Amino acid sequence: MKPVIEFCSSNMHHGTDRLMNALEQDDRYEVIEYGCLGNCGECYLSPFAMVDGEIVSAETIEQLETALQENIVRKAAEREALDKLIDDL
């Protein structure tokens, strides 16, 4: 299952458009752009995206890219551990 990374078009003034375009080229991710993700305060203050419904934000685009990758790796490890637990039952 591919991680779903959602971007808000109203947040693009922070430069998230460049990150979104780069991630769209990677087949490991499902990248979606919405007109609004309903996080107006977050949208105004800093670059952010959502990974599988969880907000990931940072002060810079570079930090956001790192935070997104870390979030994706963490969620994959959690899914793997849960799958193992289920298999062991």
N, C-alpha and C. Protein backbone atom coordinates (compact mmCIF):
# COMPACT_ATOMS: atom_id res chain seq x y z
N MET A 1 0.83 -1.17 0.00
CA MET A 1 0.00 0.00 0.00
C MET A 1 0.89 1.25 0.00
N LYS A 2 0.66 2.13 -0.95
CA LYS A 2 1.45 3.35 -1.06
C LYS A 2 1.01 4.38 -0.02
N PRO A 3 1.97 5.09 0.56
CA PRO A 3 1.59 6.20 1.43
C PRO A 3 0.90 7.28 0.59
N VAL A 4 -0.14 7.88 1.15
CA VAL A 4 -0.86 8.96 0.48
C VAL A 4 -0.35 10.27 1.08
N ILE A 5 0.21 11.11 0.23
CA ILE A 5 0.73 12.41 0.65
C ILE A 5 -0.15 13.48 0.03
N GLU A 6 -0.79 14.27 0.89
CA GLU A 6 -1.73 15.28 0.42
C GLU A 6 -1.15 16.68 0.64
N PHE A 7 -1.32 17.52 -0.37
CA PHE A 7 -0.85 18.89 -0.30
C PHE A 7 -2.02 19.84 -0.49
N CYS A 8 -1.93 21.00 0.15
CA CYS A 8 -2.93 22.05 0.05
C CYS A 8 -2.43 23.09 -0.95
N SER A 9 -3.23 23.38 -1.97
CA SER A 9 -2.79 24.36 -2.97
C SER A 9 -2.63 25.75 -2.35
N SER A 10 -3.34 26.02 -1.27
CA SER A 10 -3.20 27.32 -0.59
C SER A 10 -1.89 27.42 0.19
N ASN A 11 -1.17 26.32 0.36
CA ASN A 11 0.09 26.30 1.08
C ASN A 11 1.29 26.42 0.14
N MET A 12 1.02 26.49 -1.16
CA MET A 12 2.10 26.47 -2.14
C MET A 12 3.01 27.70 -2.06
N HIS A 13 2.54 28.79 -1.44
CA HIS A 13 3.37 29.99 -1.31
C HIS A 13 4.60 29.74 -0.44
N HIS A 14 4.59 28.64 0.29
CA HIS A 14 5.76 28.25 1.08
C HIS A 14 6.77 27.44 0.25
N GLY A 15 6.40 27.10 -0.97
CA GLY A 15 7.29 26.32 -1.83
C GLY A 15 6.97 24.84 -1.86
N THR A 16 5.85 24.45 -1.27
CA THR A 16 5.49 23.03 -1.25
C THR A 16 5.19 22.50 -2.64
N ASP A 17 4.94 23.40 -3.60
CA ASP A 17 4.69 22.94 -4.97
C ASP A 17 5.90 22.22 -5.55
N ARG A 18 7.09 22.69 -5.25
CA ARG A 18 8.31 22.03 -5.75
C ARG A 18 8.46 20.63 -5.15
N LEU A 19 8.20 20.53 -3.86
CA LEU A 19 8.28 19.23 -3.19
C LEU A 19 7.20 18.29 -3.72
N MET A 20 6.00 18.80 -3.88
CA MET A 20 4.90 17.98 -4.39
C MET A 20 5.25 17.45 -5.79
N ASN A 21 5.76 18.32 -6.66
CA ASN A 21 6.11 17.90 -8.01
C ASN A 21 7.20 16.83 -8.01
N ALA A 22 8.16 16.96 -7.13
CA ALA A 22 9.23 15.95 -7.04
C ALA A 22 8.66 14.61 -6.55
N LEU A 23 7.79 14.65 -5.54
CA LEU A 23 7.23 13.41 -5.00
C LEU A 23 6.28 12.74 -6.00
N GLU A 24 5.63 13.53 -6.84
CA GLU A 24 4.75 12.96 -7.86
C GLU A 24 5.51 12.08 -8.84
N GLN A 25 6.78 12.33 -9.01
CA GLN A 25 7.61 11.56 -9.93
C GLN A 25 8.04 10.21 -9.35
N ASP A 26 7.81 10.03 -8.07
CA ASP A 26 8.22 8.81 -7.36
C ASP A 26 7.03 7.86 -7.25
N ASP A 27 7.13 6.71 -7.89
CA ASP A 27 6.03 5.74 -7.92
C ASP A 27 5.71 5.12 -6.56
N ARG A 28 6.54 5.36 -5.57
CA ARG A 28 6.29 4.78 -4.24
C ARG A 28 5.19 5.52 -3.49
N TYR A 29 4.79 6.70 -3.99
CA TYR A 29 3.84 7.53 -3.28
C TYR A 29 2.62 7.85 -4.12
N GLU A 30 1.51 8.02 -3.44
CA GLU A 30 0.29 8.56 -4.06
C GLU A 30 0.21 10.01 -3.61
N VAL A 31 0.38 10.94 -4.53
CA VAL A 31 0.41 12.36 -4.20
C VAL A 31 -0.86 13.01 -4.72
N ILE A 32 -1.53 13.75 -3.83
CA ILE A 32 -2.79 14.39 -4.18
C ILE A 32 -2.72 15.86 -3.76
N GLU A 33 -3.22 16.72 -4.62
CA GLU A 33 -3.31 18.15 -4.30
C GLU A 33 -4.78 18.51 -4.14
N TYR A 34 -5.08 19.20 -3.05
CA TYR A 34 -6.43 19.68 -2.80
C TYR A 34 -6.42 21.20 -2.73
N GLY A 35 -7.55 21.80 -3.00
CA GLY A 35 -7.67 23.24 -2.86
C GLY A 35 -7.55 23.66 -1.41
N CYS A 36 -8.01 22.79 -0.52
CA CYS A 36 -7.96 23.08 0.91
C CYS A 36 -7.99 21.77 1.68
N LEU A 37 -7.15 21.69 2.71
CA LEU A 37 -7.15 20.53 3.59
C LEU A 37 -7.77 20.85 4.95
N GLY A 38 -8.32 22.06 5.08
CA GLY A 38 -9.00 22.43 6.30
C GLY A 38 -8.09 22.72 7.48
N ASN A 39 -6.86 23.06 7.22
CA ASN A 39 -5.89 23.38 8.28
C ASN A 39 -5.35 24.78 8.05
N CYS A 40 -6.25 25.74 8.02
CA CYS A 40 -5.90 27.11 7.62
C CYS A 40 -4.81 27.72 8.49
N GLY A 41 -4.86 27.51 9.78
CA GLY A 41 -3.81 28.06 10.64
C GLY A 41 -2.45 27.49 10.28
N GLU A 42 -2.40 26.19 10.10
CA GLU A 42 -1.16 25.51 9.72
C GLU A 42 -0.70 25.97 8.33
N CYS A 43 -1.64 26.10 7.45
CA CYS A 43 -1.37 26.49 6.07
C CYS A 43 -0.71 27.87 6.00
N TYR A 44 -1.20 28.77 6.80
CA TYR A 44 -0.69 30.13 6.79
C TYR A 44 0.71 30.22 7.38
N LEU A 45 0.99 29.43 8.42
CA LEU A 45 2.21 29.59 9.18
C LEU A 45 3.44 28.90 8.60
N SER A 46 3.26 27.70 8.04
CA SER A 46 4.45 26.94 7.65
C SER A 46 4.12 25.93 6.56
N PRO A 47 5.17 25.43 5.89
CA PRO A 47 4.95 24.37 4.90
C PRO A 47 4.46 23.11 5.60
N PHE A 48 3.47 22.47 5.01
CA PHE A 48 2.97 21.23 5.59
C PHE A 48 2.37 20.36 4.50
N ALA A 49 2.19 19.11 4.85
CA ALA A 49 1.48 18.14 4.01
C ALA A 49 0.87 17.14 4.98
N MET A 50 0.06 16.26 4.45
CA MET A 50 -0.52 15.21 5.28
C MET A 50 -0.07 13.86 4.72
N VAL A 51 0.34 12.98 5.61
CA VAL A 51 0.71 11.62 5.22
C VAL A 51 -0.29 10.68 5.85
N ASP A 52 -1.05 10.01 5.00
CA ASP A 52 -2.09 9.10 5.48
C ASP A 52 -2.95 9.76 6.55
N GLY A 53 -3.31 11.02 6.31
CA GLY A 53 -4.22 11.74 7.20
C GLY A 53 -3.58 12.42 8.38
N GLU A 54 -2.27 12.32 8.56
CA GLU A 54 -1.56 12.93 9.68
C GLU A 54 -0.78 14.15 9.19
N ILE A 55 -0.96 15.28 9.87
CA ILE A 55 -0.26 16.51 9.49
C ILE A 55 1.23 16.37 9.78
N VAL A 56 2.03 16.78 8.80
CA VAL A 56 3.49 16.85 8.96
C VAL A 56 3.86 18.26 8.55
N SER A 57 4.50 19.01 9.44
CA SER A 57 4.88 20.38 9.12
C SER A 57 6.33 20.62 9.52
N ALA A 58 6.88 21.70 8.99
CA ALA A 58 8.27 22.06 9.29
C ALA A 58 8.46 23.54 9.00
N GLU A 59 9.61 24.05 9.36
CA GLU A 59 9.90 25.47 9.13
C GLU A 59 10.33 25.75 7.70
N THR A 60 10.97 24.78 7.04
CA THR A 60 11.44 24.96 5.67
C THR A 60 11.01 23.77 4.81
N ILE A 61 11.11 23.94 3.52
CA ILE A 61 10.78 22.86 2.59
C ILE A 61 11.72 21.69 2.79
N GLU A 62 13.00 21.97 2.98
CA GLU A 62 13.98 20.91 3.18
C GLU A 62 13.65 20.10 4.44
N GLN A 63 13.28 20.79 5.51
CA GLN A 63 12.91 20.12 6.74
C GLN A 63 11.61 19.34 6.56
N LEU A 64 10.68 19.88 5.76
CA LEU A 64 9.43 19.18 5.50
C LEU A 64 9.70 17.89 4.73
N GLU A 65 10.58 17.95 3.75
CA GLU A 65 10.90 16.74 2.99
C GLU A 65 11.47 15.66 3.92
N THR A 66 12.37 16.05 4.80
CA THR A 66 12.94 15.11 5.76
C THR A 66 11.87 14.56 6.70
N ALA A 67 11.02 15.45 7.20
CA ALA A 67 9.96 15.04 8.12
C ALA A 67 8.97 14.09 7.44
N LEU A 68 8.66 14.33 6.16
CA LEU A 68 7.76 13.44 5.43
C LEU A 68 8.38 12.05 5.32
N GLN A 69 9.66 12.00 4.95
CA GLN A 69 10.34 10.71 4.81
C GLN A 69 10.38 9.96 6.14
N GLU A 70 10.68 10.68 7.22
CA GLU A 70 10.72 10.05 8.54
C GLU A 70 9.34 9.52 8.93
N ASN A 71 8.30 10.29 8.64
CA ASN A 71 6.94 9.87 8.95
C ASN A 71 6.57 8.62 8.17
N ILE A 72 6.94 8.58 6.90
CA ILE A 72 6.62 7.43 6.04
C ILE A 72 7.35 6.18 6.55
N VAL A 73 8.61 6.32 6.91
CA VAL A 73 9.39 5.19 7.42
C VAL A 73 8.79 4.69 8.74
N ARG A 74 8.42 5.62 9.62
CA ARG A 74 7.83 5.25 10.91
C ARG A 74 6.51 4.51 10.72
N LYS A 75 5.66 5.02 9.83
CA LYS A 75 4.37 4.38 9.59
C LYS A 75 4.55 2.99 8.97
N ALA A 76 5.53 2.83 8.09
CA ALA A 76 5.79 1.53 7.49
C ALA A 76 6.24 0.53 8.55
N ALA A 77 7.09 0.98 9.47
CA ALA A 77 7.55 0.10 10.56
C ALA A 77 6.38 -0.28 11.46
N GLU A 78 5.50 0.66 11.73
CA GLU A 78 4.33 0.37 12.56
C GLU A 78 3.42 -0.65 11.88
N ARG A 79 3.20 -0.48 10.57
CA ARG A 79 2.36 -1.43 9.83
C ARG A 79 2.99 -2.81 9.82
N GLU A 80 4.31 -2.86 9.64
CA GLU A 80 5.01 -4.14 9.62
C GLU A 80 4.90 -4.84 10.98
N ALA A 81 5.06 -4.08 12.05
CA ALA A 81 4.95 -4.66 13.39
C ALA A 81 3.53 -5.15 13.66
N LEU A 82 2.55 -4.40 13.22
CA LEU A 82 1.15 -4.81 13.39
C LEU A 82 0.85 -6.06 12.58
N ASP A 83 1.34 -6.11 11.35
CA ASP A 83 1.14 -7.30 10.51
C ASP A 83 1.77 -8.52 11.16
N LYS A 84 2.97 -8.35 11.74
CA LYS A 84 3.64 -9.47 12.40
C LYS A 84 2.83 -9.92 13.61
N LEU A 85 2.35 -8.98 14.36
CA LEU A 85 1.53 -9.30 15.54
C LEU A 85 0.28 -10.08 15.14
N ILE A 86 -0.36 -9.64 14.10
CA ILE A 86 -1.57 -10.33 13.61
C ILE A 86 -1.23 -11.72 13.12
N ASP A 87 -0.12 -11.85 12.39
CA ASP A 87 0.31 -13.17 11.90
C ASP A 87 0.63 -14.12 13.04
N ASP A 88 1.19 -13.58 14.13
CA ASP A 88 1.55 -14.41 15.27
C ASP A 88 0.33 -14.88 16.06
N LEU A 89 -0.77 -14.19 15.90
CA LEU A 89 -1.98 -14.61 16.62
C LEU A 89 -2.54 -15.81 15.95
